[in-house]
Amino acid sequence: MKKGFTLIEVVVALALLIIVVAVVSTAFALTGRVNAAANQKITAQQVAVNATEELRYLAINESTDKDSLLVSLSETDLFGTYNVLSAV
């Protein structure tokens, strides 16, 4: 009796392997996109916090002309530049 795999067994095993690889690669790609979106949200939050802190500082500073105050902050990361403009 010969030992080994038949052609059908090999084809079925390869098909299963291809399906598993496709599912895993899709999961990795989705994880990367979710991570990138989360990083963008974190950067936007940091820019907003920086703008708020700048406004607090300027509100405390007595020598600031509050009628013509325009605060502009920008932050650049791997995903682009974020700009925040605020008038007090």
N, C-alpha and C. Protein backbone atom coordinates (compact mmCIF):
# COMPACT_ATOMS: atom_id res chain seq x y z
N MET A 1 0.83 -1.16 0.00
CA MET A 1 0.00 0.00 0.00
C MET A 1 0.89 1.25 0.00
N LYS A 2 0.59 2.18 -0.89
CA LYS A 2 1.37 3.42 -1.00
C LYS A 2 0.87 4.43 0.02
N LYS A 3 1.84 5.12 0.61
CA LYS A 3 1.49 6.17 1.56
C LYS A 3 1.72 7.52 0.89
N GLY A 4 0.83 8.45 1.17
CA GLY A 4 0.95 9.79 0.60
C GLY A 4 -0.43 10.40 0.42
N PHE A 5 -0.42 11.60 -0.14
CA PHE A 5 -1.67 12.32 -0.35
C PHE A 5 -2.11 12.18 -1.79
N THR A 6 -3.41 12.15 -1.98
CA THR A 6 -3.94 12.13 -3.34
C THR A 6 -3.97 13.55 -3.87
N LEU A 7 -4.18 13.67 -5.16
CA LEU A 7 -4.23 14.99 -5.78
C LEU A 7 -5.40 15.80 -5.22
N ILE A 8 -6.51 15.19 -4.98
CA ILE A 8 -7.68 15.89 -4.43
C ILE A 8 -7.37 16.42 -3.03
N GLU A 9 -6.71 15.65 -2.21
CA GLU A 9 -6.36 16.09 -0.86
C GLU A 9 -5.42 17.30 -0.90
N VAL A 10 -4.48 17.28 -1.81
CA VAL A 10 -3.55 18.40 -1.95
C VAL A 10 -4.28 19.66 -2.42
N VAL A 11 -5.18 19.51 -3.38
CA VAL A 11 -5.94 20.66 -3.89
C VAL A 11 -6.83 21.25 -2.80
N VAL A 12 -7.49 20.39 -2.03
CA VAL A 12 -8.35 20.86 -0.94
C VAL A 12 -7.51 21.57 0.13
N ALA A 13 -6.36 21.03 0.47
CA ALA A 13 -5.49 21.65 1.46
C ALA A 13 -5.00 23.02 0.99
N LEU A 14 -4.63 23.12 -0.29
CA LEU A 14 -4.18 24.41 -0.84
C LEU A 14 -5.32 25.42 -0.84
N ALA A 15 -6.52 24.98 -1.18
CA ALA A 15 -7.67 25.89 -1.19
C ALA A 15 -7.94 26.42 0.22
N LEU A 16 -7.88 25.55 1.21
CA LEU A 16 -8.07 25.98 2.59
C LEU A 16 -6.98 26.96 3.03
N LEU A 17 -5.76 26.68 2.64
CA LEU A 17 -4.65 27.57 2.98
C LEU A 17 -4.84 28.95 2.35
N ILE A 18 -5.27 28.98 1.11
CA ILE A 18 -5.50 30.26 0.42
C ILE A 18 -6.61 31.05 1.11
N ILE A 19 -7.66 30.37 1.52
CA ILE A 19 -8.76 31.05 2.22
C ILE A 19 -8.28 31.63 3.54
N VAL A 20 -7.51 30.87 4.29
CA VAL A 20 -7.01 31.35 5.58
C VAL A 20 -6.08 32.54 5.39
N VAL A 21 -5.20 32.49 4.41
CA VAL A 21 -4.28 33.60 4.15
C VAL A 21 -5.07 34.85 3.74
N ALA A 22 -6.10 34.68 2.92
CA ALA A 22 -6.91 35.83 2.49
C ALA A 22 -7.62 36.48 3.68
N VAL A 23 -8.17 35.67 4.57
CA VAL A 23 -8.86 36.20 5.74
C VAL A 23 -7.89 36.94 6.66
N VAL A 24 -6.74 36.36 6.90
CA VAL A 24 -5.75 36.98 7.79
C VAL A 24 -5.23 38.29 7.20
N SER A 25 -4.95 38.31 5.90
CA SER A 25 -4.44 39.54 5.29
C SER A 25 -5.50 40.64 5.29
N THR A 26 -6.76 40.28 5.11
CA THR A 26 -7.84 41.26 5.19
C THR A 26 -7.94 41.83 6.60
N ALA A 27 -7.80 40.98 7.59
CA ALA A 27 -7.85 41.43 8.98
C ALA A 27 -6.71 42.40 9.28
N PHE A 28 -5.52 42.11 8.79
CA PHE A 28 -4.39 43.01 9.00
C PHE A 28 -4.62 44.36 8.33
N ALA A 29 -5.16 44.34 7.11
CA ALA A 29 -5.42 45.59 6.40
C ALA A 29 -6.47 46.43 7.14
N LEU A 30 -7.51 45.78 7.62
CA LEU A 30 -8.56 46.49 8.37
C LEU A 30 -8.00 47.08 9.66
N THR A 31 -7.16 46.34 10.34
CA THR A 31 -6.55 46.82 11.57
C THR A 31 -5.69 48.05 11.30
N GLY A 32 -4.97 48.04 10.20
CA GLY A 32 -4.15 49.20 9.84
C GLY A 32 -4.98 50.44 9.58
N ARG A 33 -6.12 50.27 8.88
CA ARG A 33 -6.99 51.41 8.61
C ARG A 33 -7.61 51.96 9.90
N VAL A 34 -8.03 51.07 10.77
CA VAL A 34 -8.62 51.50 12.04
C VAL A 34 -7.58 52.25 12.87
N ASN A 35 -6.35 51.76 12.88
CA ASN A 35 -5.27 52.40 13.62
C ASN A 35 -4.98 53.79 13.05
N ALA A 36 -4.98 53.92 11.74
CA ALA A 36 -4.72 55.23 11.12
C ALA A 36 -5.83 56.22 11.47
N ALA A 37 -7.07 55.77 11.44
CA ALA A 37 -8.19 56.65 11.80
C ALA A 37 -8.10 57.08 13.26
N ALA A 38 -7.72 56.17 14.13
CA ALA A 38 -7.58 56.51 15.55
C ALA A 38 -6.46 57.53 15.75
N ASN A 39 -5.37 57.37 15.03
CA ASN A 39 -4.26 58.33 15.13
C ASN A 39 -4.69 59.72 14.67
N GLN A 40 -5.50 59.78 13.61
CA GLN A 40 -5.99 61.07 13.14
C GLN A 40 -6.88 61.74 14.19
N LYS A 41 -7.73 60.97 14.83
CA LYS A 41 -8.60 61.53 15.87
C LYS A 41 -7.78 62.03 17.06
N ILE A 42 -6.77 61.28 17.44
CA ILE A 42 -5.91 61.69 18.56
C ILE A 42 -5.19 62.99 18.21
N THR A 43 -4.68 63.09 17.00
CA THR A 43 -3.99 64.31 16.59
C THR A 43 -4.94 65.50 16.58
N ALA A 44 -6.16 65.29 16.08
CA ALA A 44 -7.14 66.38 16.08
C ALA A 44 -7.48 66.82 17.50
N GLN A 45 -7.58 65.88 18.41
CA GLN A 45 -7.86 66.22 19.81
C GLN A 45 -6.69 67.00 20.42
N GLN A 46 -5.47 66.61 20.09
CA GLN A 46 -4.30 67.32 20.61
C GLN A 46 -4.25 68.75 20.09
N VAL A 47 -4.59 68.94 18.82
CA VAL A 47 -4.61 70.29 18.26
C VAL A 47 -5.68 71.12 18.95
N ALA A 48 -6.85 70.53 19.20
CA ALA A 48 -7.92 71.25 19.89
C ALA A 48 -7.52 71.63 21.32
N VAL A 49 -6.87 70.72 22.01
CA VAL A 49 -6.41 71.01 23.38
C VAL A 49 -5.36 72.13 23.35
N ASN A 50 -4.45 72.07 22.39
CA ASN A 50 -3.44 73.13 22.27
C ASN A 50 -4.09 74.49 22.00
N ALA A 51 -5.12 74.50 21.15
CA ALA A 51 -5.82 75.76 20.86
C ALA A 51 -6.52 76.28 22.10
N THR A 52 -7.14 75.40 22.86
CA THR A 52 -7.81 75.80 24.10
C THR A 52 -6.82 76.37 25.10
N GLU A 53 -5.69 75.73 25.24
CA GLU A 53 -4.66 76.22 26.16
C GLU A 53 -4.13 77.58 25.71
N GLU A 54 -3.95 77.75 24.42
CA GLU A 54 -3.49 79.04 23.90
C GLU A 54 -4.52 80.13 24.19
N LEU A 55 -5.79 79.82 24.01
CA LEU A 55 -6.83 80.80 24.30
C LEU A 55 -6.87 81.14 25.79
N ARG A 56 -6.69 80.15 26.64
CA ARG A 56 -6.66 80.42 28.08
C ARG A 56 -5.49 81.34 28.44
N TYR A 57 -4.35 81.06 27.85
CA TYR A 57 -3.17 81.89 28.11
C TYR A 57 -3.41 83.33 27.65
N LEU A 58 -3.98 83.48 26.46
CA LEU A 58 -4.21 84.81 25.93
C LEU A 58 -5.29 85.55 26.71
N ALA A 59 -6.27 84.83 27.24
CA ALA A 59 -7.32 85.47 28.03
C ALA A 59 -6.75 86.01 29.34
N ILE A 60 -5.75 85.34 29.89
CA ILE A 60 -5.13 85.78 31.14
C ILE A 60 -4.21 86.97 30.90
N ASN A 61 -3.57 87.00 29.73
CA ASN A 61 -2.63 88.07 29.41
C ASN A 61 -3.38 89.39 29.22
N GLU A 62 -3.12 90.37 30.07
CA GLU A 62 -3.85 91.64 30.07
C GLU A 62 -3.49 92.53 28.89
N SER A 63 -2.32 92.36 28.31
CA SER A 63 -1.87 93.25 27.24
C SER A 63 -2.42 92.86 25.87
N THR A 64 -3.21 91.82 25.79
CA THR A 64 -3.73 91.36 24.51
C THR A 64 -4.93 92.20 24.10
N ASP A 65 -4.94 92.63 22.86
CA ASP A 65 -6.11 93.33 22.32
C ASP A 65 -7.15 92.28 21.95
N LYS A 66 -8.14 92.12 22.79
CA LYS A 66 -9.10 91.03 22.63
C LYS A 66 -10.06 91.24 21.47
N ASP A 67 -10.17 92.47 20.95
CA ASP A 67 -11.08 92.72 19.83
C ASP A 67 -10.52 92.21 18.51
N SER A 68 -9.22 92.11 18.41
CA SER A 68 -8.61 91.69 17.15
C SER A 68 -7.79 90.41 17.31
N LEU A 69 -8.21 89.56 18.22
CA LEU A 69 -7.44 88.36 18.53
C LEU A 69 -7.83 87.22 17.60
N LEU A 70 -6.85 86.65 16.95
CA LEU A 70 -7.06 85.46 16.11
C LEU A 70 -5.96 84.47 16.45
N VAL A 71 -6.36 83.31 16.90
CA VAL A 71 -5.40 82.28 17.28
C VAL A 71 -5.34 81.26 16.16
N SER A 72 -4.15 80.94 15.72
CA SER A 72 -3.96 79.96 14.67
C SER A 72 -2.93 78.93 15.13
N LEU A 73 -3.34 77.70 15.18
CA LEU A 73 -2.44 76.61 15.54
C LEU A 73 -2.46 75.58 14.42
N SER A 74 -1.32 75.00 14.15
CA SER A 74 -1.30 73.91 13.17
C SER A 74 -0.37 72.82 13.67
N GLU A 75 -0.70 71.61 13.29
CA GLU A 75 0.09 70.45 13.69
C GLU A 75 0.20 69.54 12.48
N THR A 76 1.39 69.02 12.23
CA THR A 76 1.60 68.13 11.10
C THR A 76 2.06 66.78 11.61
N ASP A 77 1.46 65.74 11.05
CA ASP A 77 1.90 64.39 11.37
C ASP A 77 1.95 63.59 10.08
N LEU A 78 2.01 62.29 10.18
CA LEU A 78 2.11 61.44 8.99
C LEU A 78 0.87 61.51 8.11
N PHE A 79 -0.26 61.93 8.67
CA PHE A 79 -1.51 61.91 7.93
C PHE A 79 -1.87 63.26 7.35
N GLY A 80 -1.10 64.29 7.61
CA GLY A 80 -1.40 65.59 7.06
C GLY A 80 -1.23 66.70 8.08
N THR A 81 -1.72 67.88 7.71
CA THR A 81 -1.64 69.05 8.58
C THR A 81 -3.03 69.40 9.07
N TYR A 82 -3.13 69.69 10.35
CA TYR A 82 -4.39 70.07 10.96
C TYR A 82 -4.27 71.53 11.39
N ASN A 83 -5.23 72.34 10.99
CA ASN A 83 -5.21 73.76 11.33
C ASN A 83 -6.44 74.09 12.16
N VAL A 84 -6.22 74.90 13.18
CA VAL A 84 -7.32 75.39 14.01
C VAL A 84 -7.23 76.90 14.04
N LEU A 85 -8.28 77.57 13.60
CA LEU A 85 -8.36 79.02 13.68
C LEU A 85 -9.49 79.37 14.62
N SER A 86 -9.24 80.29 15.51
CA SER A 86 -10.27 80.67 16.48
C SER A 86 -10.17 82.16 16.76
N ALA A 87 -11.30 82.82 16.74
CA ALA A 87 -11.36 84.23 17.09
C ALA A 87 -12.04 84.36 18.44
N VAL A 88 -11.48 85.22 19.27
CA VAL A 88 -12.05 85.42 20.61
C VAL A 88 -12.88 86.68 20.59
